[in-house]
């Protein structure tokens, strides 16, 4: 990820849109929100909010479901 968008730097405008598109692509490819947060140096909440702004349909929580 771009160092100019590192932790503590406000992300707005075109940079925010570009980051949202990149995170959406990676999330849709299977990365978790936690993995994306770690890779970008951002918080879970920031990544979650940005994915929501990008119109991403979030996956359910992980783990297999048990059938009795």
C-alpha atoms as a PDB file:
ATOM      1  CA  UNK A   1       0.000   0.000   0.000  1.00  0.00           C
ATOM      2  CA  UNK A   2       1.000   3.598  -0.502  1.00  0.00           C
ATOM      3  CA  UNK A   3       3.088   5.036   2.370  1.00  0.00           C
ATOM      4  CA  UNK A   4       1.354   8.406   1.869  1.00  0.00           C
ATOM      5  CA  UNK A   5      -1.813   6.740   3.178  1.00  0.00           C
ATOM      6  CA  UNK A   6      -0.162   5.371   6.302  1.00  0.00           C
ATOM      7  CA  UNK A   7      -1.433   5.395   9.855  1.00  0.00           C
ATOM      8  CA  UNK A   8      -2.475   8.769  11.196  1.00  0.00           C
ATOM      9  CA  UNK A   9      -2.758  10.429   7.778  1.00  0.00           C
ATOM     10  CA  UNK A  10      -6.232  11.630   6.791  1.00  0.00           C
ATOM     11  CA  UNK A  11      -7.473   9.926   3.641  1.00  0.00           C
ATOM     12  CA  UNK A  12      -9.882  12.038   1.615  1.00  0.00           C
ATOM     13  CA  UNK A  13     -10.999  12.746  -1.909  1.00  0.00           C
ATOM     14  CA  UNK A  14      -9.397  10.816  -4.744  1.00  0.00           C
ATOM     15  CA  UNK A  15      -7.000   8.963  -2.419  1.00  0.00           C
ATOM     16  CA  UNK A  16      -9.948   7.683  -0.382  1.00  0.00           C
ATOM     17  CA  UNK A  17     -11.770   6.530  -3.514  1.00  0.00           C
ATOM     18  CA  UNK A  18      -8.680   4.752  -4.844  1.00  0.00           C
ATOM     19  CA  UNK A  19      -8.074   3.055  -1.483  1.00  0.00           C
ATOM     20  CA  UNK A  20     -11.728   1.966  -1.324  1.00  0.00           C
ATOM     21  CA  UNK A  21     -11.502   0.406  -4.797  1.00  0.00           C
ATOM     22  CA  UNK A  22      -8.282  -1.432  -3.889  1.00  0.00           C
ATOM     23  CA  UNK A  23      -9.675  -2.711  -0.579  1.00  0.00           C
ATOM     24  CA  UNK A  24     -12.900  -3.798  -2.285  1.00  0.00           C
ATOM     25  CA  UNK A  25     -10.918  -5.755  -4.889  1.00  0.00           C
ATOM     26  CA  UNK A  26      -8.832  -7.484  -2.221  1.00  0.00           C
ATOM     27  CA  UNK A  27     -11.846  -8.190   0.028  1.00  0.00           C
ATOM     28  CA  UNK A  28     -13.765  -9.673  -2.891  1.00  0.00           C
ATOM     29  CA  UNK A  29     -10.704 -11.839  -3.616  1.00  0.00           C
ATOM     30  CA  UNK A  30     -10.985 -13.347  -0.131  1.00  0.00           C
ATOM     31  CA  UNK A  31      -8.880 -11.242   2.259  1.00  0.00           C
ATOM     32  CA  UNK A  32     -10.422 -10.493   5.624  1.00  0.00           C
ATOM     33  CA  UNK A  33     -11.025  -7.043   7.051  1.00  0.00           C
ATOM     34  CA  UNK A  34      -8.382  -7.770   9.689  1.00  0.00           C
ATOM     35  CA  UNK A  35      -5.833  -8.722   7.016  1.00  0.00           C
ATOM     36  CA  UNK A  36      -6.607  -5.548   5.066  1.00  0.00           C
ATOM     37  CA  UNK A  37      -6.302  -3.439   8.211  1.00  0.00           C
ATOM     38  CA  UNK A  38      -2.914  -4.953   9.016  1.00  0.00           C
ATOM     39  CA  UNK A  39      -1.668  -4.502   5.438  1.00  0.00           C
ATOM     40  CA  UNK A  40      -2.690  -0.836   5.313  1.00  0.00           C
ATOM     41  CA  UNK A  41      -1.745   0.106   8.860  1.00  0.00           C
ATOM     42  CA  UNK A  42      -5.332   1.209   9.438  1.00  0.00           C
ATOM     43  CA  UNK A  43      -7.863   0.167  12.037  1.00  0.00           C
ATOM     44  CA  UNK A  44     -10.464  -2.541  11.570  1.00  0.00           C
ATOM     45  CA  UNK A  45     -13.175   0.119  11.916  1.00  0.00           C
ATOM     46  CA  UNK A  46     -11.666   2.324   9.204  1.00  0.00           C
ATOM     47  CA  UNK A  47     -11.446  -0.559   6.725  1.00  0.00           C
ATOM     48  CA  UNK A  48     -14.960  -1.746   7.619  1.00  0.00           C
ATOM     49  CA  UNK A  49     -16.351   1.771   7.096  1.00  0.00           C
ATOM     50  CA  UNK A  50     -14.497   2.249   3.794  1.00  0.00           C
ATOM     51  CA  UNK A  51     -15.770  -1.077   2.462  1.00  0.00           C
ATOM     52  CA  UNK A  52     -19.295  -0.007   3.405  1.00  0.00           C
ATOM     53  CA  UNK A  53     -18.820   3.276   1.542  1.00  0.00           C
ATOM     54  CA  UNK A  54     -17.642   1.285  -1.487  1.00  0.00           C
ATOM     55  CA  UNK A  55     -20.890  -0.703  -1.464  1.00  0.00           C
ATOM     56  CA  UNK A  56     -19.323  -4.023  -0.526  1.00  0.00           C
ATOM     57  CA  UNK A  57     -21.659  -6.720   0.768  1.00  0.00           C
ATOM     58  CA  UNK A  58     -19.773  -7.957   3.812  1.00  0.00           C
ATOM     59  CA  UNK A  59     -19.360 -11.672   4.422  1.00  0.00           C
ATOM     60  CA  UNK A  60     -20.738 -13.296   7.547  1.00  0.00           C
ATOM     61  CA  UNK A  61     -18.465 -14.172  10.412  1.00  0.00           C
ATOM     62  CA  UNK A  62     -16.132 -17.085   9.748  1.00  0.00           C
ATOM     63  CA  UNK A  63     -16.302 -20.708  10.705  1.00  0.00           C
ATOM     64  CA  UNK A  64     -18.228 -23.649   9.432  1.00  0.00           C
ATOM     65  CA  UNK A  65     -21.824 -24.049  10.484  1.00  0.00           C
ATOM     66  CA  UNK A  66     -22.763 -27.271  12.230  1.00  0.00           C
ATOM     67  CA  UNK A  67     -25.695 -29.302  11.062  1.00  0.00           C
ATOM     68  CA  UNK A  68     -27.153 -31.682  13.653  1.00  0.00           C
END
